[in-house]
Amino acid sequence: MQVGIAATLVHYLVIVLLLDLLEWATPTPATVVGSVFGIATAYMGNYLYVFGLSDRNHDHYAPRFIATYLTVMAIHAGMMYLFVDILNLRYEYGFVVATIFSATTTFIANHLVVFRPPQE
């Protein structure tokens, strides 16, 4: 759970940095950039701490992880677009809803698919 919180915090801090400090015009691209940083944090945290892997079998885990997280990132960005650009709500609301979806989806996928050990 701490890895998920750390990845979410990294994701959110990048969004805030881009929108509030660097004054990007729209939240949807900022959430995509934030997602990339959050994804990197999540992969290393899950690989090392949650699943305690040390087999360095990144060629097995990384493609599954990347495919899962790119899909979730696209849905997350779509949800941000819906909340901000269509419904005209604050980006924080979209981020909370999209993050709940993302956290639930990636938690399930990581346990069932992504970090399942290779079949011998």
Protein backbone atom coordinates (compact mmCIF):
# COMPACT_ATOMS: atom_id res chain seq x y z
CA MET A 1 0.00 0.00 0.00
CA GLN A 2 2.87 2.40 0.72
CA VAL A 3 4.17 1.94 -2.83
CA GLY A 4 0.78 2.89 -4.24
CA ILE A 5 0.63 5.95 -2.03
CA ALA A 6 4.15 6.97 -3.04
CA ALA A 7 3.37 6.50 -6.75
CA THR A 8 0.14 8.48 -6.41
CA LEU A 9 1.94 11.24 -4.55
CA VAL A 10 4.63 11.46 -7.24
CA HIS A 11 1.93 11.52 -9.93
CA TYR A 12 -0.02 14.26 -8.17
CA LEU A 13 3.04 16.38 -7.36
CA VAL A 14 4.07 16.37 -11.02
CA ILE A 15 0.56 17.50 -12.00
CA VAL A 16 0.64 20.31 -9.44
CA LEU A 17 4.12 21.32 -10.56
CA LEU A 18 3.09 21.47 -14.20
CA LEU A 19 -0.26 23.17 -13.69
CA ASP A 20 0.30 25.49 -10.76
CA LEU A 21 3.99 26.33 -10.93
CA LEU A 22 4.76 26.04 -14.63
CA GLU A 23 1.23 27.14 -15.60
CA TRP A 24 0.43 24.50 -18.18
CA ALA A 25 -2.91 25.30 -19.77
CA THR A 26 -4.72 21.99 -19.39
CA PRO A 27 -4.67 19.11 -16.87
CA THR A 28 -4.97 16.20 -19.32
CA PRO A 29 -1.38 16.37 -20.69
CA ALA A 30 -0.11 17.09 -17.17
CA THR A 31 -1.74 13.90 -15.88
CA VAL A 32 -0.08 11.89 -18.65
CA VAL A 33 3.35 13.25 -17.70
CA GLY A 34 2.58 12.69 -14.02
CA SER A 35 1.52 9.15 -14.83
CA VAL A 36 4.90 8.36 -16.36
CA PHE A 37 6.67 9.40 -13.16
CA GLY A 38 4.12 7.56 -11.01
CA ILE A 39 4.45 4.44 -13.14
CA ALA A 40 8.23 4.39 -12.75
CA THR A 41 7.82 4.74 -8.99
CA ALA A 42 5.19 1.99 -8.90
CA TYR A 43 7.26 -0.48 -10.93
CA MET A 44 10.37 -0.24 -8.82
CA GLY A 45 8.40 -0.20 -5.57
CA ASN A 46 6.28 -3.19 -6.51
CA TYR A 47 9.20 -5.14 -7.94
CA LEU A 48 11.49 -4.59 -4.97
CA TYR A 49 9.26 -4.16 -1.94
CA VAL A 50 5.74 -5.46 -2.53
CA PHE A 51 6.66 -8.66 -4.36
CA GLY A 52 10.24 -8.85 -3.04
CA LEU A 53 11.63 -9.90 -6.38
CA SER A 54 15.36 -10.11 -6.82
CA ASP A 55 15.58 -12.45 -9.79
CA ARG A 56 16.23 -9.51 -12.16
CA ASN A 57 13.76 -11.06 -14.57
CA HIS A 58 12.65 -7.67 -15.89
CA ASP A 59 12.12 -9.10 -19.38
CA HIS A 60 9.26 -11.14 -17.91
CA TYR A 61 7.68 -8.56 -15.58
CA ALA A 62 8.32 -5.23 -17.30
CA PRO A 63 6.32 -5.83 -20.54
CA ARG A 64 3.27 -6.94 -18.53
CA PHE A 65 3.65 -3.99 -16.21
CA ILE A 66 4.06 -1.49 -19.04
CA ALA A 67 1.07 -2.85 -20.97
CA THR A 68 -1.11 -2.75 -17.86
CA TYR A 69 -0.06 0.71 -16.77
CA LEU A 70 -0.24 2.26 -20.26
CA THR A 71 -3.80 1.02 -20.54
CA VAL A 72 -4.68 2.36 -17.11
CA MET A 73 -2.88 5.64 -17.88
CA ALA A 74 -4.96 6.11 -21.03
CA ILE A 75 -8.18 5.53 -19.08
CA HIS A 76 -6.96 7.86 -16.33
CA ALA A 77 -6.25 10.59 -18.90
CA GLY A 78 -9.67 10.03 -20.46
CA MET A 79 -11.32 10.40 -17.07
CA MET A 80 -9.40 13.63 -16.46
CA TYR A 81 -10.51 14.92 -19.85
CA LEU A 82 -14.12 14.06 -19.01
CA PHE A 83 -14.03 15.80 -15.63
CA VAL A 84 -12.08 18.88 -16.68
CA ASP A 85 -12.79 19.52 -20.34
CA ILE A 86 -16.32 18.21 -20.69
CA LEU A 87 -17.87 18.55 -17.22
CA ASN A 88 -15.82 21.69 -16.39
CA LEU A 89 -14.93 20.45 -12.90
CA ARG A 90 -11.69 21.09 -11.02
CA TYR A 91 -8.86 18.75 -11.95
CA GLU A 92 -8.55 17.58 -8.34
CA TYR A 93 -11.98 15.91 -8.54
CA GLY A 94 -11.06 14.06 -11.69
CA PHE A 95 -7.75 13.04 -10.21
CA VAL A 96 -9.39 11.52 -7.12
CA VAL A 97 -11.95 9.51 -9.10
CA ALA A 98 -9.42 8.39 -11.72
CA THR A 99 -6.91 7.46 -9.03
CA ILE A 100 -9.41 5.27 -7.17
CA PHE A 101 -10.11 3.45 -10.44
CA SER A 102 -6.40 3.19 -11.29
CA ALA A 103 -5.34 1.97 -7.86
CA THR A 104 -8.00 -0.72 -7.77
CA THR A 105 -7.29 -1.90 -11.31
CA THR A 106 -3.52 -2.01 -10.97
CA PHE A 107 -3.65 -3.71 -7.57
CA ILE A 108 -5.71 -6.54 -9.04
CA ALA A 109 -3.64 -6.76 -12.23
CA ASN A 110 -0.33 -6.76 -10.35
CA HIS A 111 -1.41 -9.68 -8.18
CA LEU A 112 -3.08 -11.75 -10.88
CA VAL A 113 -0.98 -11.07 -13.97
CA VAL A 114 1.91 -8.65 -13.84
CA PHE A 115 4.09 -10.07 -11.07
CA ARG A 116 3.11 -13.70 -11.42
CA PRO A 117 6.33 -15.72 -11.61
CA PRO A 118 7.23 -17.22 -14.99
CA GLN A 119 6.06 -20.75 -15.67
CA GLU A 120 8.97 -23.19 -15.64
